Protein backbone atom coordinates (compact mmCIF):
# COMPACT_ATOMS: atom_id res chain seq x y z
CA MET A 1 -34.79 -52.73 -10.09
CA LEU A 2 -31.78 -51.38 -7.99
CA TRP A 3 -32.99 -47.84 -7.76
CA ARG A 4 -32.45 -47.56 -4.20
CA PRO A 5 -29.07 -46.36 -2.61
CA ALA A 6 -26.99 -49.36 -1.36
CA VAL A 7 -25.53 -49.50 2.05
CA VAL A 8 -23.10 -52.19 3.02
CA VAL A 9 -24.03 -53.53 6.54
CA HIS A 10 -21.90 -55.92 8.79
CA GLU A 11 -24.11 -56.08 11.82
CA LEU A 12 -27.66 -55.52 13.07
CA ALA A 13 -27.22 -52.15 14.50
CA GLN A 14 -25.81 -50.95 10.89
CA ALA A 15 -28.82 -52.59 9.27
CA ARG A 16 -31.17 -50.85 11.62
CA ALA A 17 -29.40 -47.59 11.24
CA ALA A 18 -29.79 -47.87 7.45
CA LEU A 19 -33.65 -48.54 7.69
CA ARG A 20 -34.28 -45.90 10.33
CA PRO A 21 -34.41 -42.72 8.18
CA GLY A 22 -37.33 -44.28 6.10
CA TYR A 23 -35.74 -43.88 2.74
CA ALA A 24 -35.85 -46.69 0.29
CA VAL A 25 -32.51 -48.62 0.51
CA LEU A 26 -30.80 -51.84 -0.58
CA LEU A 27 -29.06 -53.61 2.17
CA LEU A 28 -25.85 -55.13 0.92
CA SER A 29 -23.63 -57.71 2.59
CA ALA A 30 -19.99 -57.53 2.69
CA PRO A 31 -18.16 -59.15 -0.31
CA ASP A 32 -18.30 -62.86 0.00
CA ALA A 33 -20.40 -62.91 3.09
CA ALA A 34 -22.44 -65.96 2.06
CA GLY A 35 -19.37 -67.99 2.64
CA PHE A 36 -17.90 -66.61 5.81
CA ALA A 37 -21.20 -65.40 7.51
CA GLY A 38 -23.83 -67.59 5.86
CA CYS A 39 -27.16 -67.02 4.29
CA LEU A 40 -29.21 -67.79 7.40
CA TRP A 41 -27.27 -65.18 9.37
CA TRP A 42 -27.96 -62.63 6.80
CA ARG A 43 -31.50 -63.40 6.34
CA SER A 44 -32.01 -63.40 10.26
CA MET A 45 -30.16 -60.02 10.58
CA VAL A 46 -32.23 -58.39 7.59
CA ALA A 47 -35.53 -59.79 9.21
CA LEU A 48 -34.83 -58.30 12.68
CA ALA A 49 -33.82 -54.89 11.07
CA ARG A 50 -37.06 -54.90 8.85
CA ALA A 51 -39.17 -55.78 12.03
CA ALA A 52 -37.73 -52.61 13.72
CA HIS A 53 -38.54 -50.34 10.71
CA PRO A 54 -41.38 -52.15 8.81
CA ALA A 55 -42.34 -49.03 6.84
CA THR A 56 -39.08 -48.58 5.27
CA PRO A 57 -38.96 -49.99 1.68
CA ALA A 58 -36.00 -52.16 1.48
CA LEU A 59 -34.36 -54.85 -0.66
CA ASP A 60 -31.38 -56.94 0.49
CA LEU A 61 -28.51 -58.38 -1.61
CA LEU A 62 -26.25 -61.13 -0.31
CA ASP A 63 -22.81 -61.53 -1.92
CA CYS A 64 -21.91 -65.08 -2.84
CA GLY A 65 -18.52 -64.04 -4.33
CA ALA A 66 -17.27 -66.66 -6.70
CA ALA A 67 -19.01 -69.75 -5.05
CA PRO A 68 -21.98 -71.06 -6.87
CA GLY A 69 -22.53 -73.45 -4.10
CA TRP A 70 -23.04 -70.69 -1.58
CA ALA A 71 -25.22 -69.05 -4.11
CA MET A 72 -27.44 -72.20 -4.54
CA ALA A 73 -27.75 -72.72 -0.90
CA SER A 74 -28.83 -69.17 -0.41
CA LEU A 75 -31.49 -69.40 -3.01
CA ARG A 76 -32.67 -72.55 -1.36
CA ALA A 77 -32.89 -70.73 2.05
CA GLY A 78 -35.11 -68.15 0.38
CA GLN A 79 -32.68 -65.41 -0.53
CA ARG A 80 -34.06 -63.57 -3.56
CA LEU A 81 -31.40 -61.37 -4.54
CA ILE A 82 -27.75 -62.41 -4.77
CA ARG A 83 -24.50 -61.36 -6.13
CA LEU A 84 -22.39 -63.91 -7.89
CA ASP A 85 -19.10 -63.49 -9.76
CA PRO A 86 -19.89 -64.00 -13.55
CA ALA A 87 -16.44 -65.42 -14.24
CA CYS A 88 -17.14 -68.43 -11.71
CA PRO A 89 -18.10 -71.82 -13.21
CA GLY A 90 -21.68 -72.30 -12.81
CA PHE A 91 -22.93 -68.60 -13.06
CA ALA A 92 -25.21 -69.40 -16.00
CA ALA A 93 -26.64 -72.36 -14.03
CA VAL A 94 -27.23 -70.37 -10.77
CA ARG A 95 -28.89 -67.53 -12.82
CA ALA A 96 -31.19 -70.19 -14.50
CA ALA A 97 -32.08 -71.67 -11.19
CA ALA A 98 -32.69 -68.22 -9.67
CA ALA A 99 -35.06 -67.37 -12.57
CA THR A 100 -37.19 -70.20 -11.83
CA LEU A 101 -37.57 -69.02 -8.17
CA GLY A 102 -38.35 -65.53 -9.17
CA ALA A 103 -34.87 -64.47 -7.81
CA ASP A 104 -32.17 -62.42 -9.38
CA VAL A 105 -28.53 -62.91 -9.62
CA LEU A 106 -26.42 -59.78 -10.06
CA PRO A 107 -22.85 -59.87 -11.64
CA ASN A 108 -21.54 -56.79 -9.99
CA ARG A 109 -21.89 -55.02 -6.61
CA PRO A 110 -23.71 -51.80 -6.80
CA GLU A 111 -21.98 -48.49 -5.70
CA ALA A 112 -22.55 -48.45 -1.96
CA LEU A 113 -21.92 -46.59 1.37
CA ASP A 114 -19.97 -49.07 3.54
CA MET A 115 -21.07 -48.78 7.39
CA ALA A 116 -17.57 -49.97 8.40
CA ASP A 117 -16.12 -46.64 7.06
CA SER A 118 -15.55 -44.28 10.06
CA ARG A 119 -17.54 -41.59 8.43
CA ALA A 120 -20.41 -43.65 7.21
CA ALA A 121 -22.72 -42.74 9.97
CA TRP A 122 -22.17 -39.14 9.45
CA ARG A 123 -22.72 -39.58 5.58
CA LEU A 124 -25.74 -42.03 5.78
CA MET A 125 -28.67 -39.51 5.66
CA GLY A 126 -27.16 -37.66 2.69
CA TRP A 127 -26.36 -41.03 1.04
CA LEU A 128 -30.05 -42.21 1.42
CA ALA A 129 -31.54 -38.80 0.43
CA GLY A 130 -29.31 -38.99 -2.78
CA VAL A 131 -27.26 -35.90 -2.06
CA ALA A 132 -24.03 -37.71 -1.54
CA ARG A 133 -23.97 -39.81 -4.48
């Protein structure tokens, strides 16, 4: 399912930049973003970025850290791809609830280009094209 290169985005401009080239991409939140930024912020940011580049194939993954409560809240808000620490209590219950909604819970973060890195903008095109793996 996660055949797309992943890009960690922290703000709308970064999400738009990741979608702009038109390559299939997985927009990935910062670690634990569901707890400090919230699911609604993430979903709104992704929706705005996708609206700017509607032809770009994209998935988005919200990191819920080790917080099953944030994971469940994210699922209730419509997030369909989340990351949750498999060692946290409630992982199995969250995964089961996600399955009933057609959502997925990943135990690990995929390898990703973090747009907070000072060289990320320069490396983005190669990363998305699969050259800079």
